[in-house]
């Protein structure tokens, strides 16, 4: 048999496309759709036969363990603040106890009343340990000594050195003042009612005596004079036509100043708008029981 290239090849009896060739039909793939109506069913079949799609796995960032902040500095700071606060409170309590003790000792030494004592300076414990107090303020009101009542007394002690048993002390310097009002001065002199004392603005250390006794109504002038270390005198400069027996002690009377600690002296006695002001000073003063 000769081969003619123009002629088609003889069929092998099977074609893979499912068409009939020479009276034989190739087997069909049961999954292949036969026509367009089966295509939709085939797609549904394919969709049902495949497993459902899984959602994409979400990747979370790796979280490193958080480092704990060191709290020791904060705790230590709180403890330090608390301790300092307690020390301050203890210091103030000890200061108050010492002030009260000192006031009691001053009264026991013969002062007419218990004064108010203030120890300045912080911290107090260091002063207590050294037995040296830098500044001590002492004040008192309505101090009565005999017929005289002192309205206010104020004194400042600089350099107070307490002995080892706390039973006495030496003071480098004392500066103070005492006020005797005109009413208290009139009571101390035993002046009769109807006589009031006021300052004479034009003449230092002179006092006006306003006399209103019914039958006598005038103003007289008295002079203030310091006569000793612990006494001053008030006497009339002139009584004029007023009988002196009506004026009581206004003609001449002395006022004694309460006893002062050793080393403390009266520096001056002056007439002011408020009354008689007595200033005191002291150096190397000794206080003891």
C-alpha atoms as a PDB file:
ATOM      1  CA  UNK A   1       0.000   0.000   0.000  1.00  0.00           C
ATOM      2  CA  UNK A   2       1.369   3.297  -0.981  1.00  0.00           C
ATOM      3  CA  UNK A   3       1.022   6.405   1.290  1.00  0.00           C
ATOM      4  CA  UNK A   4      -0.804   9.352  -0.072  1.00  0.00           C
ATOM      5  CA  UNK A   5      -0.143  12.437   1.956  1.00  0.00           C
ATOM      6  CA  UNK A   6      -3.197  14.114   0.583  1.00  0.00           C
ATOM      7  CA  UNK A   7      -5.477  11.539   2.107  1.00  0.00           C
ATOM      8  CA  UNK A   8      -6.567  11.680   5.781  1.00  0.00           C
ATOM      9  CA  UNK A   9      -5.122   9.148   8.123  1.00  0.00           C
ATOM     10  CA  UNK A  10      -7.270   6.243   9.000  1.00  0.00           C
ATOM     11  CA  UNK A  11      -8.964   6.511  12.348  1.00  0.00           C
ATOM     12  CA  UNK A  12      -7.578   4.461  15.211  1.00  0.00           C
ATOM     13  CA  UNK A  13     -11.068   3.794  16.401  1.00  0.00           C
ATOM     14  CA  UNK A  14     -10.922   6.197  19.456  1.00  0.00           C
ATOM     15  CA  UNK A  15     -10.945   9.895  19.836  1.00  0.00           C
ATOM     16  CA  UNK A  16     -10.595  11.553  23.174  1.00  0.00           C
ATOM     17  CA  UNK A  17     -13.123  14.270  22.418  1.00  0.00           C
ATOM     18  CA  UNK A  18     -16.168  12.018  22.864  1.00  0.00           C
ATOM     19  CA  UNK A  19     -17.246  12.251  19.194  1.00  0.00           C
ATOM     20  CA  UNK A  20     -18.224   9.284  17.137  1.00  0.00           C
ATOM     21  CA  UNK A  21     -15.536   8.183  14.780  1.00  0.00           C
ATOM     22  CA  UNK A  22     -16.181   5.203  12.536  1.00  0.00           C
ATOM     23  CA  UNK A  23     -19.235   4.231  14.471  1.00  0.00           C
ATOM     24  CA  UNK A  24     -17.606   4.241  17.942  1.00  0.00           C
ATOM     25  CA  UNK A  25     -18.117   6.784  20.656  1.00  0.00           C
ATOM     26  CA  UNK A  26     -15.386   7.399  23.222  1.00  0.00           C
ATOM     27  CA  UNK A  27     -16.337   7.040  26.779  1.00  0.00           C
ATOM     28  CA  UNK A  28     -17.430  10.261  28.438  1.00  0.00           C
ATOM     29  CA  UNK A  29     -15.991  11.582  31.651  1.00  0.00           C
ATOM     30  CA  UNK A  30     -18.937  11.441  33.982  1.00  0.00           C
ATOM     31  CA  UNK A  31     -17.823  14.794  35.488  1.00  0.00           C
ATOM     32  CA  UNK A  32     -17.865  16.580  32.157  1.00  0.00           C
ATOM     33  CA  UNK A  33     -21.164  18.384  31.368  1.00  0.00           C
ATOM     34  CA  UNK A  34     -23.017  17.125  28.342  1.00  0.00           C
ATOM     35  CA  UNK A  35     -24.466  20.471  27.383  1.00  0.00           C
ATOM     36  CA  UNK A  36     -24.772  24.042  28.656  1.00  0.00           C
ATOM     37  CA  UNK A  37     -27.571  23.045  31.000  1.00  0.00           C
ATOM     38  CA  UNK A  38     -25.253  20.776  32.836  1.00  0.00           C
ATOM     39  CA  UNK A  39     -22.524  23.377  33.151  1.00  0.00           C
ATOM     40  CA  UNK A  40     -24.252  25.145  36.008  1.00  0.00           C
ATOM     41  CA  UNK A  41     -24.848  21.823  37.746  1.00  0.00           C
ATOM     42  CA  UNK A  42     -21.228  20.963  37.185  1.00  0.00           C
ATOM     43  CA  UNK A  43     -20.098  24.197  38.779  1.00  0.00           C
ATOM     44  CA  UNK A  44     -22.348  23.550  41.774  1.00  0.00           C
ATOM     45  CA  UNK A  45     -20.962  20.056  42.007  1.00  0.00           C
ATOM     46  CA  UNK A  46     -17.418  21.335  41.930  1.00  0.00           C
ATOM     47  CA  UNK A  47     -18.200  23.942  44.587  1.00  0.00           C
ATOM     48  CA  UNK A  48     -19.866  21.382  46.860  1.00  0.00           C
ATOM     49  CA  UNK A  49     -17.134  18.824  46.442  1.00  0.00           C
ATOM     50  CA  UNK A  50     -14.346  21.228  47.448  1.00  0.00           C
ATOM     51  CA  UNK A  51     -13.769  21.962  51.129  1.00  0.00           C
ATOM     52  CA  UNK A  52     -14.871  25.382  52.353  1.00  0.00           C
ATOM     53  CA  UNK A  53     -12.261  28.074  52.155  1.00  0.00           C
ATOM     54  CA  UNK A  54     -10.568  28.796  55.455  1.00  0.00           C
ATOM     55  CA  UNK A  55     -10.319  32.398  56.587  1.00  0.00           C
ATOM     56  CA  UNK A  56      -6.825  33.746  56.461  1.00  0.00           C
ATOM     57  CA  UNK A  57      -4.929  33.251  59.635  1.00  0.00           C
ATOM     58  CA  UNK A  58      -4.449  36.557  61.428  1.00  0.00           C
ATOM     59  CA  UNK A  59      -0.929  37.047  62.559  1.00  0.00           C
ATOM     60  CA  UNK A  60      -0.649  38.867  65.845  1.00  0.00           C
ATOM     61  CA  UNK A  61       2.534  40.668  66.750  1.00  0.00           C
ATOM     62  CA  UNK A  62       4.582  38.980  69.361  1.00  0.00           C
ATOM     63  CA  UNK A  63       4.190  40.878  72.592  1.00  0.00           C
ATOM     64  CA  UNK A  64       7.223  40.987  74.718  1.00  0.00           C
ATOM     65  CA  UNK A  65       6.664  40.711  78.453  1.00  0.00           C
ATOM     66  CA  UNK A  66       6.379  44.169  79.976  1.00  0.00           C
ATOM     67  CA  UNK A  67       9.214  45.081  82.210  1.00  0.00           C
ATOM     68  CA  UNK A  68       8.104  46.063  85.659  1.00  0.00           C
ATOM     69  CA  UNK A  69       9.199  49.473  86.701  1.00  0.00           C
ATOM     70  CA  UNK A  70      11.382  49.590  89.700  1.00  0.00           C
ATOM     71  CA  UNK A  71       9.362  51.033  92.556  1.00  0.00           C
ATOM     72  CA  UNK A  72      12.137  51.060  95.107  1.00  0.00           C
ATOM     73  CA  UNK A  73      13.016  54.746  94.574  1.00  0.00           C
ATOM     74  CA  UNK A  74       9.372  55.756  95.066  1.00  0.00           C
ATOM     75  CA  UNK A  75       8.936  53.610  98.170  1.00  0.00           C
ATOM     76  CA  UNK A  76      12.225  54.838  99.587  1.00  0.00           C
ATOM     77  CA  UNK A  77      11.200  58.441  98.964  1.00  0.00           C
ATOM     78  CA  UNK A  78       7.897  57.933 100.773  1.00  0.00           C
ATOM     79  CA  UNK A  79       9.636  56.343 103.740  1.00  0.00           C
ATOM     80  CA  UNK A  80      12.130  59.201 103.932  1.00  0.00           C
ATOM     81  CA  UNK A  81       9.325  61.796 103.834  1.00  0.00           C
ATOM     82  CA  UNK A  82       7.410  59.986 106.592  1.00  0.00           C
ATOM     83  CA  UNK A  83      10.510  59.726 108.786  1.00  0.00           C
ATOM     84  CA  UNK A  84      11.325  63.391 108.273  1.00  0.00           C
ATOM     85  CA  UNK A  85       7.745  64.319 109.113  1.00  0.00           C
ATOM     86  CA  UNK A  86       7.903  62.324 112.338  1.00  0.00           C
ATOM     87  CA  UNK A  87      11.205  63.946 113.251  1.00  0.00           C
ATOM     88  CA  UNK A  88       9.743  67.406 112.672  1.00  0.00           C
ATOM     89  CA  UNK A  89       6.734  66.589 114.836  1.00  0.00           C
ATOM     90  CA  UNK A  90       8.979  65.185 117.562  1.00  0.00           C
ATOM     91  CA  UNK A  91      11.181  68.267 117.344  1.00  0.00           C
ATOM     92  CA  UNK A  92       8.192  70.613 117.747  1.00  0.00           C
ATOM     93  CA  UNK A  93       6.803  68.581 120.656  1.00  0.00           C
ATOM     94  CA  UNK A  94      10.155  68.655 122.439  1.00  0.00           C
ATOM     95  CA  UNK A  95      10.355  72.386 121.770  1.00  0.00           C
ATOM     96  CA  UNK A  96       6.926  72.962 123.347  1.00  0.00           C
ATOM     97  CA  UNK A  97       7.851  70.883 126.410  1.00  0.00           C
ATOM     98  CA  UNK A  98      11.055  72.851 126.892  1.00  0.00           C
ATOM     99  CA  UNK A  99       9.195  76.172 126.570  1.00  0.00           C
ATOM    100  CA  UNK A 100       6.667  75.127 129.214  1.00  0.00           C
ATOM    101  CA  UNK A 101       9.423  73.900 131.552  1.00  0.00           C
ATOM    102  CA  UNK A 102      11.342  77.151 131.165  1.00  0.00           C
ATOM    103  CA  UNK A 103       8.212  79.210 131.878  1.00  0.00           C
ATOM    104  CA  UNK A 104       7.594  77.229 135.076  1.00  0.00           C
ATOM    105  CA  UNK A 105      11.182  77.794 136.221  1.00  0.00           C
ATOM    106  CA  UNK A 106      10.914  81.554 135.635  1.00  0.00           C
ATOM    107  CA  UNK A 107       7.766  81.674 137.749  1.00  0.00           C
ATOM    108  CA  UNK A 108       9.400  79.583 140.471  1.00  0.00           C
ATOM    109  CA  UNK A 109      12.251  82.101 140.616  1.00  0.00           C
ATOM    110  CA  UNK A 110       9.791  84.754 141.820  1.00  0.00           C
ATOM    111  CA  UNK A 111       8.190  86.138 138.677  1.00  0.00           C
ATOM    112  CA  UNK A 112       4.597  87.119 139.583  1.00  0.00           C
ATOM    113  CA  UNK A 113       2.936  85.168 136.731  1.00  0.00           C
ATOM    114  CA  UNK A 114       3.784  82.310 134.409  1.00  0.00           C
ATOM    115  CA  UNK A 115       5.136  83.942 131.250  1.00  0.00           C
ATOM    116  CA  UNK A 116       4.919  82.825 127.658  1.00  0.00           C
ATOM    117  CA  UNK A 117       8.228  81.445 126.403  1.00  0.00           C
ATOM    118  CA  UNK A 118       9.156  80.900 122.759  1.00  0.00           C
ATOM    119  CA  UNK A 119      12.414  79.209 121.781  1.00  0.00           C
ATOM    120  CA  UNK A 120      13.317  80.156 118.239  1.00  0.00           C
ATOM    121  CA  UNK A 121      15.389  78.149 115.812  1.00  0.00           C
ATOM    122  CA  UNK A 122      15.062  74.832 113.996  1.00  0.00           C
ATOM    123  CA  UNK A 123      15.872  72.124 114.655  1.00  0.00           C
ATOM    124  CA  UNK A 124      15.402  72.286 118.405  1.00  0.00           C
ATOM    125  CA  UNK A 125      17.156  68.972 119.142  1.00  0.00           C
ATOM    126  CA  UNK A 126      20.547  70.337 118.130  1.00  0.00           C
ATOM    127  CA  UNK A 127      20.146  73.284 120.517  1.00  0.00           C
ATOM    128  CA  UNK A 128      18.991  70.964 123.281  1.00  0.00           C
ATOM    129  CA  UNK A 129      21.933  68.621 122.752  1.00  0.00           C
ATOM    130  CA  UNK A 130      24.411  71.499 122.978  1.00  0.00           C
ATOM    131  CA  UNK A 131      22.536  73.217 125.877  1.00  0.00           C
ATOM    132  CA  UNK A 132      22.722  76.429 123.863  1.00  0.00           C
ATOM    133  CA  UNK A 133      19.652  78.337 122.717  1.00  0.00           C
ATOM    134  CA  UNK A 134      20.166  81.109 120.212  1.00  0.00           C
ATOM    135  CA  UNK A 135      17.058  83.239 120.824  1.00  0.00           C
ATOM    136  CA  UNK A 136      14.382  82.999 123.530  1.00  0.00           C
ATOM    137  CA  UNK A 137      11.403  85.361 123.674  1.00  0.00           C
ATOM    138  CA  UNK A 138       9.560  85.944 126.959  1.00  0.00           C
ATOM    139  CA  UNK A 139       6.281  87.839 127.301  1.00  0.00           C
ATOM    140  CA  UNK A 140       3.674  88.346 129.988  1.00  0.00           C
ATOM    141  CA  UNK A 141       0.540  90.402 130.604  1.00  0.00           C
ATOM    142  CA  UNK A 142      -0.992  92.004 133.701  1.00  0.00           C
ATOM    143  CA  UNK A 143       2.020  91.451 135.927  1.00  0.00           C
ATOM    144  CA  UNK A 144       1.210  92.761 139.403  1.00  0.00           C
ATOM    145  CA  UNK A 145       3.922  93.670 141.873  1.00  0.00           C
ATOM    146  CA  UNK A 146       2.593  95.413 144.968  1.00  0.00           C
ATOM    147  CA  UNK A 147       0.377  98.360 143.955  1.00  0.00           C
ATOM    148  CA  UNK A 148       1.791  98.447 140.417  1.00  0.00           C
ATOM    149  CA  UNK A 149       0.336  96.456 137.558  1.00  0.00           C
ATOM    150  CA  UNK A 150       2.422  96.180 134.399  1.00  0.00           C
ATOM    151  CA  UNK A 151       0.263  95.828 131.323  1.00  0.00           C
ATOM    152  CA  UNK A 152       2.774  93.986 129.131  1.00  0.00           C
ATOM    153  CA  UNK A 153       6.347  92.758 129.414  1.00  0.00           C
ATOM    154  CA  UNK A 154       8.428  91.630 126.427  1.00  0.00           C
ATOM    155  CA  UNK A 155      12.022  90.447 126.586  1.00  0.00           C
ATOM    156  CA  UNK A 156      14.372  88.791 124.133  1.00  0.00           C
ATOM    157  CA  UNK A 157      17.253  86.640 125.353  1.00  0.00           C
ATOM    158  CA  UNK A 158      20.215  86.149 123.026  1.00  0.00           C
ATOM    159  CA  UNK A 159      22.667  83.346 123.718  1.00  0.00           C
ATOM    160  CA  UNK A 160      21.125  81.314 126.538  1.00  0.00           C
ATOM    161  CA  UNK A 161      23.526  78.662 127.883  1.00  0.00           C
ATOM    162  CA  UNK A 162      21.887  76.070 130.143  1.00  0.00           C
ATOM    163  CA  UNK A 163      23.917  74.066 132.647  1.00  0.00           C
ATOM    164  CA  UNK A 164      24.158  70.293 132.546  1.00  0.00           C
ATOM    165  CA  UNK A 165      21.322  69.678 135.020  1.00  0.00           C
ATOM    166  CA  UNK A 166      19.058  72.271 133.361  1.00  0.00           C
ATOM    167  CA  UNK A 167      18.686  74.004 136.723  1.00  0.00           C
ATOM    168  CA  UNK A 168      20.201  77.322 135.682  1.00  0.00           C
ATOM    169  CA  UNK A 169      21.535  79.308 132.766  1.00  0.00           C
ATOM    170  CA  UNK A 170      23.649  82.254 131.769  1.00  0.00           C
ATOM    171  CA  UNK A 171      22.431  84.725 129.162  1.00  0.00           C
ATOM    172  CA  UNK A 172      24.706  86.766 126.940  1.00  0.00           C
ATOM    173  CA  UNK A 173      22.274  89.637 126.296  1.00  0.00           C
ATOM    174  CA  UNK A 174      18.746  90.602 127.377  1.00  0.00           C
ATOM    175  CA  UNK A 175      16.700  93.371 125.799  1.00  0.00           C
ATOM    176  CA  UNK A 176      13.179  94.104 126.939  1.00  0.00           C
ATOM    177  CA  UNK A 177      10.465  96.598 127.722  1.00  0.00           C
ATOM    178  CA  UNK A 178       7.508  96.981 130.050  1.00  0.00           C
ATOM    179  CA  UNK A 179       4.401  99.123 129.629  1.00  0.00           C
ATOM    180  CA  UNK A 180       2.525 100.759 132.507  1.00  0.00           C
ATOM    181  CA  UNK A 181      -0.672 102.393 131.271  1.00  0.00           C
ATOM    182  CA  UNK A 182      -1.784 105.757 132.621  1.00  0.00           C
ATOM    183  CA  UNK A 183      -4.718 104.109 134.353  1.00  0.00           C
ATOM    184  CA  UNK A 184      -2.408 101.649 136.090  1.00  0.00           C
ATOM    185  CA  UNK A 185      -0.081 104.515 137.039  1.00  0.00           C
ATOM    186  CA  UNK A 186      -2.982 106.408 138.623  1.00  0.00           C
ATOM    187  CA  UNK A 187      -3.989 103.299 140.570  1.00  0.00           C
ATOM    188  CA  UNK A 188      -0.406 102.730 141.731  1.00  0.00           C
ATOM    189  CA  UNK A 189      -0.225 106.349 142.965  1.00  0.00           C
ATOM    190  CA  UNK A 190      -3.562 106.075 144.747  1.00  0.00           C
ATOM    191  CA  UNK A 191      -5.015 109.083 142.904  1.00  0.00           C
ATOM    192  CA  UNK A 192      -8.652 109.952 143.639  1.00  0.00           C
ATOM    193  CA  UNK A 193     -11.355 109.388 141.069  1.00  0.00           C
ATOM    194  CA  UNK A 194     -11.826 112.354 138.814  1.00  0.00           C
ATOM    195  CA  UNK A 195      -8.112 112.637 137.990  1.00  0.00           C
ATOM    196  CA  UNK A 196      -6.982 111.107 134.709  1.00  0.00           C
ATOM    197  CA  UNK A 197      -3.463 111.089 133.327  1.00  0.00           C
ATOM    198  CA  UNK A 198      -2.538 111.677 129.688  1.00  0.00           C
ATOM    199  CA  UNK A 199       0.740 112.410 127.891  1.00  0.00           C
ATOM    200  CA  UNK A 200       1.880 115.966 127.345  1.00  0.00           C
ATOM    201  CA  UNK A 201       2.695 116.035 123.621  1.00  0.00           C
ATOM    202  CA  UNK A 202       4.806 119.177 123.856  1.00  0.00           C
ATOM    203  CA  UNK A 203       7.085 118.133 126.695  1.00  0.00           C
ATOM    204  CA  UNK A 204       8.856 114.778 126.956  1.00  0.00           C
ATOM    205  CA  UNK A 205       8.513 112.934 130.255  1.00  0.00           C
ATOM    206  CA  UNK A 206       5.722 115.197 131.397  1.00  0.00           C
ATOM    207  CA  UNK A 207       2.182 114.078 132.171  1.00  0.00           C
ATOM    208  CA  UNK A 208      -1.020 116.054 132.039  1.00  0.00           C
ATOM    209  CA  UNK A 209      -3.346 115.534 134.992  1.00  0.00           C
ATOM    210  CA  UNK A 210      -6.931 116.326 134.022  1.00  0.00           C
ATOM    211  CA  UNK A 211      -8.706 117.220 137.275  1.00  0.00           C
ATOM    212  CA  UNK A 212     -12.500 117.067 137.363  1.00  0.00           C
ATOM    213  CA  UNK A 213     -13.607 117.093 140.992  1.00  0.00           C
ATOM    214  CA  UNK A 214     -16.850 119.040 140.679  1.00  0.00           C
ATOM    215  CA  UNK A 215     -15.684 122.151 142.402  1.00  0.00           C
ATOM    216  CA  UNK A 216     -12.357 122.018 140.547  1.00  0.00           C
ATOM    217  CA  UNK A 217     -11.989 121.458 136.819  1.00  0.00           C
ATOM    218  CA  UNK A 218      -8.512 122.090 135.466  1.00  0.00           C
ATOM    219  CA  UNK A 219      -5.442 120.518 133.903  1.00  0.00           C
ATOM    220  CA  UNK A 220      -2.211 120.232 135.840  1.00  0.00           C
ATOM    221  CA  UNK A 221       1.234 119.047 134.769  1.00  0.00           C
ATOM    222  CA  UNK A 222       3.369 116.446 136.526  1.00  0.00           C
ATOM    223  CA  UNK A 223       6.912 115.370 135.808  1.00  0.00           C
ATOM    224  CA  UNK A 224       8.258 111.825 135.561  1.00  0.00           C
ATOM    225  CA  UNK A 225      11.702 111.301 137.080  1.00  0.00           C
ATOM    226  CA  UNK A 226      13.731 108.156 137.617  1.00  0.00           C
ATOM    227  CA  UNK A 227      15.029 108.218 141.182  1.00  0.00           C
ATOM    228  CA  UNK A 228      16.835 104.878 141.540  1.00  0.00           C
ATOM    229  CA  UNK A 229      17.653 101.692 139.703  1.00  0.00           C
ATOM    230  CA  UNK A 230      14.216 100.258 140.490  1.00  0.00           C
ATOM    231  CA  UNK A 231      12.065 103.314 141.185  1.00  0.00           C
ATOM    232  CA  UNK A 232      10.662 106.397 139.477  1.00  0.00           C
ATOM    233  CA  UNK A 233       8.798 109.429 140.816  1.00  0.00           C
ATOM    234  CA  UNK A 234       5.742 111.399 139.634  1.00  0.00           C
ATOM    235  CA  UNK A 235       5.313 114.901 141.104  1.00  0.00           C
ATOM    236  CA  UNK A 236       3.334 118.037 140.229  1.00  0.00           C
ATOM    237  CA  UNK A 237       5.253 120.884 138.678  1.00  0.00           C
ATOM    238  CA  UNK A 238       2.667 123.331 140.008  1.00  0.00           C
ATOM    239  CA  UNK A 239      -0.726 122.904 141.672  1.00  0.00           C
ATOM    240  CA  UNK A 240      -1.819 126.465 141.026  1.00  0.00           C
ATOM    241  CA  UNK A 241      -4.872 127.453 143.004  1.00  0.00           C
ATOM    242  CA  UNK A 242      -6.018 123.863 143.545  1.00  0.00           C
ATOM    243  CA  UNK A 243      -5.795 122.700 147.157  1.00  0.00           C
ATOM    244  CA  UNK A 244      -3.302 119.842 147.288  1.00  0.00           C
ATOM    245  CA  UNK A 245      -5.435 117.907 149.761  1.00  0.00           C
ATOM    246  CA  UNK A 246      -7.956 117.384 146.947  1.00  0.00           C
ATOM    247  CA  UNK A 247      -5.306 115.869 144.682  1.00  0.00           C
ATOM    248  CA  UNK A 248      -4.319 112.978 146.920  1.00  0.00           C
ATOM    249  CA  UNK A 249      -0.890 111.545 146.030  1.00  0.00           C
ATOM    250  CA  UNK A 250      -0.744 113.413 142.708  1.00  0.00           C
ATOM    251  CA  UNK A 251       1.502 116.000 144.345  1.00  0.00           C
ATOM    252  CA  UNK A 252       4.272 113.443 144.779  1.00  0.00           C
ATOM    253  CA  UNK A 253       4.391 109.645 144.643  1.00  0.00           C
ATOM    254  CA  UNK A 254       6.939 106.945 143.862  1.00  0.00           C
ATOM    255  CA  UNK A 255       6.490 103.780 141.824  1.00  0.00           C
ATOM    256  CA  UNK A 256       8.687 100.750 142.474  1.00  0.00           C
ATOM    257  CA  UNK A 257       9.561  98.430 139.626  1.00  0.00           C
ATOM    258  CA  UNK A 258       9.428  94.666 140.294  1.00  0.00           C
ATOM    259  CA  UNK A 259      12.694  92.946 141.093  1.00  0.00           C
ATOM    260  CA  UNK A 260      14.718  92.094 138.027  1.00  0.00           C
ATOM    261  CA  UNK A 261      17.058  89.115 137.536  1.00  0.00           C
ATOM    262  CA  UNK A 262      20.714  89.546 138.373  1.00  0.00           C
ATOM    263  CA  UNK A 263      22.536  91.386 135.643  1.00  0.00           C
ATOM    264  CA  UNK A 264      19.375  93.101 134.340  1.00  0.00           C
ATOM    265  CA  UNK A 265      18.986  96.841 134.854  1.00  0.00           C
ATOM    266  CA  UNK A 266      16.525  99.568 133.863  1.00  0.00           C
ATOM    267  CA  UNK A 267      17.873 101.444 130.901  1.00  0.00           C
ATOM    268  CA  UNK A 268      15.226 104.179 130.656  1.00  0.00           C
ATOM    269  CA  UNK A 269      11.744 105.285 131.749  1.00  0.00           C
ATOM    270  CA  UNK A 270       9.801 107.346 129.203  1.00  0.00           C
ATOM    271  CA  UNK A 271       6.328 108.791 128.700  1.00  0.00           C
ATOM    272  CA  UNK A 272       4.635 107.597 125.507  1.00  0.00           C
ATOM    273  CA  UNK A 273       1.137 107.793 124.061  1.00  0.00           C
ATOM    274  CA  UNK A 274       0.277 104.427 125.641  1.00  0.00           C
ATOM    275  CA  UNK A 275       1.740 105.108 129.073  1.00  0.00           C
ATOM    276  CA  UNK A 276       5.076 104.717 130.839  1.00  0.00           C
ATOM    277  CA  UNK A 277       7.543 102.513 128.941  1.00  0.00           C
ATOM    278  CA  UNK A 278      10.392 100.989 130.919  1.00  0.00           C
ATOM    279  CA  UNK A 279      13.278  99.534 128.906  1.00  0.00           C
ATOM    280  CA  UNK A 280      15.647  96.992 130.406  1.00  0.00           C
ATOM    281  CA  UNK A 281      18.996  95.572 129.321  1.00  0.00           C
ATOM    282  CA  UNK A 282      21.244  92.877 130.684  1.00  0.00           C
ATOM    283  CA  UNK A 283      24.598  91.288 129.966  1.00  0.00           C
ATOM    284  CA  UNK A 284      25.963  88.003 131.288  1.00  0.00           C
ATOM    285  CA  UNK A 285      22.817  87.507 133.308  1.00  0.00           C
ATOM    286  CA  UNK A 286      22.531  84.457 135.554  1.00  0.00           C
ATOM    287  CA  UNK A 287      19.307  82.550 136.121  1.00  0.00           C
ATOM    288  CA  UNK A 288      19.177  79.849 138.770  1.00  0.00           C
ATOM    289  CA  UNK A 289      16.680  78.045 140.945  1.00  0.00           C
END
